[in-house]
Amino acid sequence: MARTRNQGSKWIRRNKRLAIYRRDDHRCVYCDADLACEVATLDHVVPCELGGTNHESNLVTACLSCNSSKSALPLSKFMQTLADKGVDVDAVRRTIRNATRRKLTK
């Protein structure tokens, strides 16, 4: 299913969304926030606008703040933004790489 702008959560099946949240341990891959009590969102590592897909290997769990900040930026540009804030971007890259390589559990 193709995703369109401002479509809300209808672009992905609920069970797949929840499986990605579980895969990522309900934590934001960018800031490591525990999303048990916060709004969790899915972020496209490679934005749809730049050719990214809705495949699980391109989706990660993100807090609303990080997802909004990243928007449609390429990952490299967003990583520079995080680095400017003092975030260990090598750790973030490892987290993303490990998460997107794991298979989803149903």
N, C-alpha and C. Protein backbone atom coordinates (compact mmCIF):
# COMPACT_ATOMS: atom_id res chain seq x y z
N MET A 1 0.84 -1.18 0.00
CA MET A 1 0.00 0.00 0.00
C MET A 1 0.89 1.24 0.00
N ALA A 2 0.67 2.12 -0.92
CA ALA A 2 1.44 3.36 -0.99
C ALA A 2 0.98 4.33 0.09
N ARG A 3 1.90 5.08 0.60
CA ARG A 3 1.58 6.05 1.65
C ARG A 3 1.44 7.42 1.02
N THR A 4 0.42 8.13 1.46
CA THR A 4 0.25 9.50 1.00
C THR A 4 0.35 10.42 2.20
N ARG A 5 0.68 11.66 1.96
CA ARG A 5 0.88 12.65 3.01
C ARG A 5 -0.39 12.83 3.83
N ASN A 6 -0.22 13.00 5.15
CA ASN A 6 -1.32 13.25 6.09
C ASN A 6 -2.37 12.14 6.07
N GLN A 7 -1.94 10.92 5.92
CA GLN A 7 -2.84 9.78 5.85
C GLN A 7 -3.06 9.16 7.23
N GLY A 8 -2.34 9.61 8.23
CA GLY A 8 -2.47 9.02 9.55
C GLY A 8 -1.90 7.62 9.58
N SER A 9 -2.52 6.75 10.35
CA SER A 9 -1.99 5.39 10.52
C SER A 9 -2.59 4.40 9.53
N LYS A 10 -3.37 4.84 8.58
CA LYS A 10 -4.07 3.93 7.67
C LYS A 10 -3.18 3.33 6.59
N TRP A 11 -1.94 3.79 6.47
CA TRP A 11 -1.06 3.31 5.42
C TRP A 11 -0.38 1.99 5.77
N ILE A 12 -0.56 1.51 7.00
CA ILE A 12 0.08 0.26 7.43
C ILE A 12 -0.90 -0.52 8.31
N ARG A 13 -0.87 -1.84 8.16
CA ARG A 13 -1.76 -2.67 8.98
C ARG A 13 -1.35 -2.56 10.46
N ARG A 14 -2.34 -2.58 11.32
CA ARG A 14 -2.11 -2.42 12.75
C ARG A 14 -1.15 -3.49 13.29
N ASN A 15 -1.31 -4.74 12.86
CA ASN A 15 -0.45 -5.81 13.38
C ASN A 15 1.01 -5.62 12.96
N LYS A 16 1.24 -5.08 11.77
CA LYS A 16 2.62 -4.82 11.32
C LYS A 16 3.21 -3.66 12.12
N ARG A 17 2.42 -2.61 12.35
CA ARG A 17 2.86 -1.47 13.16
C ARG A 17 3.29 -1.95 14.55
N LEU A 18 2.45 -2.75 15.18
CA LEU A 18 2.76 -3.24 16.53
C LEU A 18 3.99 -4.15 16.54
N ALA A 19 4.15 -4.95 15.49
CA ALA A 19 5.32 -5.83 15.40
C ALA A 19 6.61 -5.00 15.29
N ILE A 20 6.56 -3.88 14.59
CA ILE A 20 7.74 -3.01 14.48
C ILE A 20 8.03 -2.36 15.83
N TYR A 21 6.99 -1.92 16.53
CA TYR A 21 7.19 -1.35 17.86
C TYR A 21 7.85 -2.40 18.78
N ARG A 22 7.36 -3.65 18.72
CA ARG A 22 7.95 -4.72 19.54
C ARG A 22 9.40 -4.97 19.14
N ARG A 23 9.66 -5.05 17.84
CA ARG A 23 11.02 -5.29 17.34
C ARG A 23 11.99 -4.25 17.90
N ASP A 24 11.53 -3.00 17.98
CA ASP A 24 12.37 -1.89 18.43
C ASP A 24 12.25 -1.66 19.94
N ASP A 25 11.64 -2.61 20.63
CA ASP A 25 11.52 -2.59 22.10
C ASP A 25 10.80 -1.33 22.60
N HIS A 26 9.87 -0.84 21.81
CA HIS A 26 9.07 0.34 22.18
C HIS A 26 9.94 1.53 22.57
N ARG A 27 11.06 1.70 21.86
CA ARG A 27 11.98 2.81 22.12
C ARG A 27 12.23 3.56 20.83
N CYS A 28 12.43 4.85 20.94
CA CYS A 28 12.79 5.67 19.79
C CYS A 28 14.21 5.32 19.38
N VAL A 29 14.41 4.98 18.11
CA VAL A 29 15.75 4.61 17.65
C VAL A 29 16.69 5.81 17.62
N TYR A 30 16.15 7.02 17.61
CA TYR A 30 16.97 8.22 17.51
C TYR A 30 17.41 8.75 18.87
N CYS A 31 16.48 8.85 19.82
CA CYS A 31 16.82 9.43 21.13
C CYS A 31 16.74 8.43 22.27
N ASP A 32 16.35 7.20 21.98
CA ASP A 32 16.26 6.11 22.95
C ASP A 32 15.17 6.32 24.00
N ALA A 33 14.22 7.20 23.74
CA ALA A 33 13.12 7.42 24.69
C ALA A 33 12.26 6.16 24.79
N ASP A 34 11.85 5.84 26.01
CA ASP A 34 10.92 4.74 26.25
C ASP A 34 9.54 5.24 25.85
N LEU A 35 8.92 4.58 24.89
CA LEU A 35 7.65 5.06 24.36
C LEU A 35 6.44 4.35 24.94
N ALA A 36 6.64 3.69 26.09
CA ALA A 36 5.52 3.02 26.73
C ALA A 36 4.43 4.01 27.14
N CYS A 37 4.84 5.21 27.52
CA CYS A 37 3.88 6.22 27.97
C CYS A 37 3.84 7.45 27.06
N GLU A 38 4.50 7.40 25.92
CA GLU A 38 4.52 8.52 24.98
C GLU A 38 3.96 8.08 23.64
N VAL A 39 3.76 9.03 22.77
CA VAL A 39 3.26 8.72 21.43
C VAL A 39 4.38 8.09 20.61
N ALA A 40 4.14 6.87 20.16
CA ALA A 40 5.09 6.19 19.28
C ALA A 40 4.63 6.38 17.84
N THR A 41 5.59 6.59 16.97
CA THR A 41 5.29 6.71 15.54
C THR A 41 6.24 5.82 14.77
N LEU A 42 5.95 5.62 13.52
CA LEU A 42 6.87 4.92 12.63
C LEU A 42 7.53 5.95 11.72
N ASP A 43 8.82 5.77 11.52
CA ASP A 43 9.56 6.66 10.65
C ASP A 43 10.16 5.85 9.51
N HIS A 44 10.12 6.42 8.33
CA HIS A 44 10.78 5.82 7.17
C HIS A 44 12.24 6.24 7.22
N VAL A 45 13.16 5.29 7.33
CA VAL A 45 14.59 5.59 7.36
C VAL A 45 14.95 6.35 6.08
N VAL A 46 14.55 5.81 4.95
CA VAL A 46 14.66 6.53 3.68
C VAL A 46 13.25 7.05 3.41
N PRO A 47 13.05 8.37 3.47
CA PRO A 47 11.71 8.93 3.29
C PRO A 47 11.06 8.50 1.97
N CYS A 48 9.75 8.37 1.99
CA CYS A 48 9.02 8.01 0.76
C CYS A 48 9.31 8.99 -0.35
N GLU A 49 9.45 10.26 0.02
CA GLU A 49 9.73 11.30 -0.98
C GLU A 49 11.07 11.09 -1.68
N LEU A 50 11.95 10.29 -1.05
CA LEU A 50 13.26 10.03 -1.63
C LEU A 50 13.37 8.58 -2.13
N GLY A 51 12.22 7.93 -2.29
CA GLY A 51 12.20 6.58 -2.84
C GLY A 51 12.09 5.47 -1.82
N GLY A 52 11.93 5.80 -0.55
CA GLY A 52 11.78 4.77 0.49
C GLY A 52 10.47 4.03 0.37
N THR A 53 10.46 2.83 0.91
CA THR A 53 9.27 1.98 0.84
C THR A 53 8.66 1.80 2.23
N ASN A 54 7.53 1.11 2.25
CA ASN A 54 6.88 0.77 3.51
C ASN A 54 7.32 -0.59 4.03
N HIS A 55 8.40 -1.13 3.48
CA HIS A 55 8.90 -2.43 3.94
C HIS A 55 9.44 -2.29 5.36
N GLU A 56 9.30 -3.33 6.13
CA GLU A 56 9.74 -3.31 7.53
C GLU A 56 11.22 -2.95 7.68
N SER A 57 12.02 -3.22 6.68
CA SER A 57 13.45 -2.89 6.75
C SER A 57 13.71 -1.40 6.56
N ASN A 58 12.66 -0.64 6.23
CA ASN A 58 12.80 0.81 6.07
C ASN A 58 12.00 1.56 7.14
N LEU A 59 11.41 0.84 8.08
CA LEU A 59 10.59 1.46 9.11
C LEU A 59 11.19 1.25 10.49
N VAL A 60 11.21 2.31 11.28
CA VAL A 60 11.70 2.23 12.65
C VAL A 60 10.75 2.99 13.58
N THR A 61 10.81 2.64 14.85
CA THR A 61 10.02 3.32 15.86
C THR A 61 10.70 4.63 16.22
N ALA A 62 9.91 5.69 16.30
CA ALA A 62 10.44 7.01 16.65
C ALA A 62 9.43 7.74 17.52
N CYS A 63 9.93 8.55 18.42
CA CYS A 63 9.03 9.41 19.19
C CYS A 63 8.50 10.48 18.24
N LEU A 64 7.41 11.09 18.63
CA LEU A 64 6.80 12.11 17.78
C LEU A 64 7.76 13.27 17.53
N SER A 65 8.52 13.66 18.55
CA SER A 65 9.45 14.77 18.40
C SER A 65 10.54 14.47 17.37
N CYS A 66 11.19 13.30 17.48
CA CYS A 66 12.24 12.95 16.52
C CYS A 66 11.68 12.77 15.12
N ASN A 67 10.52 12.13 15.00
CA ASN A 67 9.92 11.91 13.69
C ASN A 67 9.58 13.25 13.04
N SER A 68 9.04 14.17 13.82
CA SER A 68 8.71 15.49 13.28
C SER A 68 9.97 16.25 12.89
N SER A 69 11.01 16.12 13.70
CA SER A 69 12.27 16.81 13.39
C SER A 69 12.92 16.25 12.13
N LYS A 70 12.87 14.94 11.97
CA LYS A 70 13.48 14.32 10.79
C LYS A 70 12.68 14.64 9.54
N SER A 71 11.37 14.58 9.65
CA SER A 71 10.49 14.87 8.52
C SER A 71 10.95 14.07 7.30
N ALA A 72 11.17 14.72 6.18
CA ALA A 72 11.59 14.01 4.96
C ALA A 72 13.08 14.19 4.69
N LEU A 73 13.84 14.51 5.74
CA LEU A 73 15.29 14.67 5.57
C LEU A 73 15.94 13.32 5.28
N PRO A 74 16.96 13.31 4.46
CA PRO A 74 17.75 12.09 4.33
C PRO A 74 18.39 11.78 5.69
N LEU A 75 18.60 10.52 5.97
CA LEU A 75 19.15 10.11 7.26
C LEU A 75 20.47 10.82 7.56
N SER A 76 21.32 10.98 6.55
CA SER A 76 22.62 11.62 6.78
C SER A 76 22.47 13.05 7.29
N LYS A 77 21.51 13.78 6.76
CA LYS A 77 21.30 15.17 7.21
C LYS A 77 20.72 15.20 8.62
N PHE A 78 19.81 14.28 8.91
CA PHE A 78 19.23 14.24 10.25
C PHE A 78 20.30 13.83 11.27
N MET A 79 21.17 12.93 10.88
CA MET A 79 22.26 12.52 11.77
C MET A 79 23.16 13.70 12.09
N GLN A 80 23.39 14.56 11.13
CA GLN A 80 24.20 15.76 11.38
C GLN A 80 23.50 16.66 12.40
N THR A 81 22.20 16.78 12.30
CA THR A 81 21.42 17.55 13.27
C THR A 81 21.57 16.96 14.66
N LEU A 82 21.49 15.62 14.75
CA LEU A 82 21.66 14.96 16.05
C LEU A 82 23.08 15.16 16.57
N ALA A 83 24.07 15.04 15.70
CA ALA A 83 25.46 15.22 16.11
C ALA A 83 25.68 16.63 16.65
N ASP A 84 25.06 17.61 16.02
CA ASP A 84 25.18 18.99 16.49
C ASP A 84 24.60 19.17 17.89
N LYS A 85 23.70 18.27 18.27
CA LYS A 85 23.09 18.31 19.61
C LYS A 85 23.86 17.44 20.60
N GLY A 86 24.97 16.85 20.14
CA GLY A 86 25.79 16.04 21.03
C GLY A 86 25.41 14.58 21.12
N VAL A 87 24.53 14.12 20.24
CA VAL A 87 24.10 12.72 20.24
C VAL A 87 25.18 11.85 19.60
N ASP A 88 25.38 10.67 20.16
CA ASP A 88 26.33 9.70 19.61
C ASP A 88 25.69 9.06 18.37
N VAL A 89 25.94 9.63 17.21
CA VAL A 89 25.28 9.15 16.00
C VAL A 89 25.75 7.77 15.56
N ASP A 90 26.95 7.38 15.95
CA ASP A 90 27.40 6.02 15.63
C ASP A 90 26.51 5.00 16.35
N ALA A 91 26.15 5.30 17.59
CA ALA A 91 25.25 4.41 18.35
C ALA A 91 23.86 4.39 17.70
N VAL A 92 23.41 5.54 17.24
CA VAL A 92 22.10 5.61 16.58
C VAL A 92 22.13 4.79 15.29
N ARG A 93 23.19 4.92 14.52
CA ARG A 93 23.31 4.14 13.28
C ARG A 93 23.31 2.64 13.57
N ARG A 94 24.02 2.22 14.61
CA ARG A 94 24.03 0.80 14.99
C ARG A 94 22.64 0.34 15.38
N THR A 95 21.93 1.16 16.15
CA THR A 95 20.58 0.81 16.59
C THR A 95 19.66 0.63 15.38
N ILE A 96 19.74 1.56 14.44
CA ILE A 96 18.91 1.47 13.24
C ILE A 96 19.27 0.24 12.43
N ARG A 97 20.56 0.02 12.22
CA ARG A 97 21.01 -1.14 11.43
C ARG A 97 20.55 -2.44 12.07
N ASN A 98 20.72 -2.57 13.39
CA ASN A 98 20.31 -3.79 14.08
C ASN A 98 18.80 -3.99 14.02
N ALA A 99 18.05 -2.91 14.22
CA ALA A 99 16.59 -3.02 14.21
C ALA A 99 16.07 -3.42 12.84
N THR A 100 16.56 -2.78 11.81
CA THR A 100 16.02 -3.03 10.48
C THR A 100 16.44 -4.37 9.90
N ARG A 101 17.43 -4.99 10.49
CA ARG A 101 17.85 -6.33 10.04
C ARG A 101 17.07 -7.45 10.72
N ARG A 102 16.45 -7.15 11.87
CA ARG A 102 15.70 -8.17 12.61
C ARG A 102 14.38 -8.45 11.94
N LYS A 103 13.99 -9.70 11.94
CA LYS A 103 12.69 -10.10 11.41
C LYS A 103 11.61 -9.75 12.43
N LEU A 104 10.43 -9.45 11.92
CA LEU A 104 9.31 -9.15 12.80
C LEU A 104 8.72 -10.45 13.35
N THR A 105 8.25 -10.39 14.58
CA THR A 105 7.55 -11.51 15.18
C THR A 105 6.07 -11.16 15.23
N LYS A 106 5.28 -12.11 15.00
CA LYS A 106 3.82 -11.87 14.97
C LYS A 106 3.20 -12.00 16.33
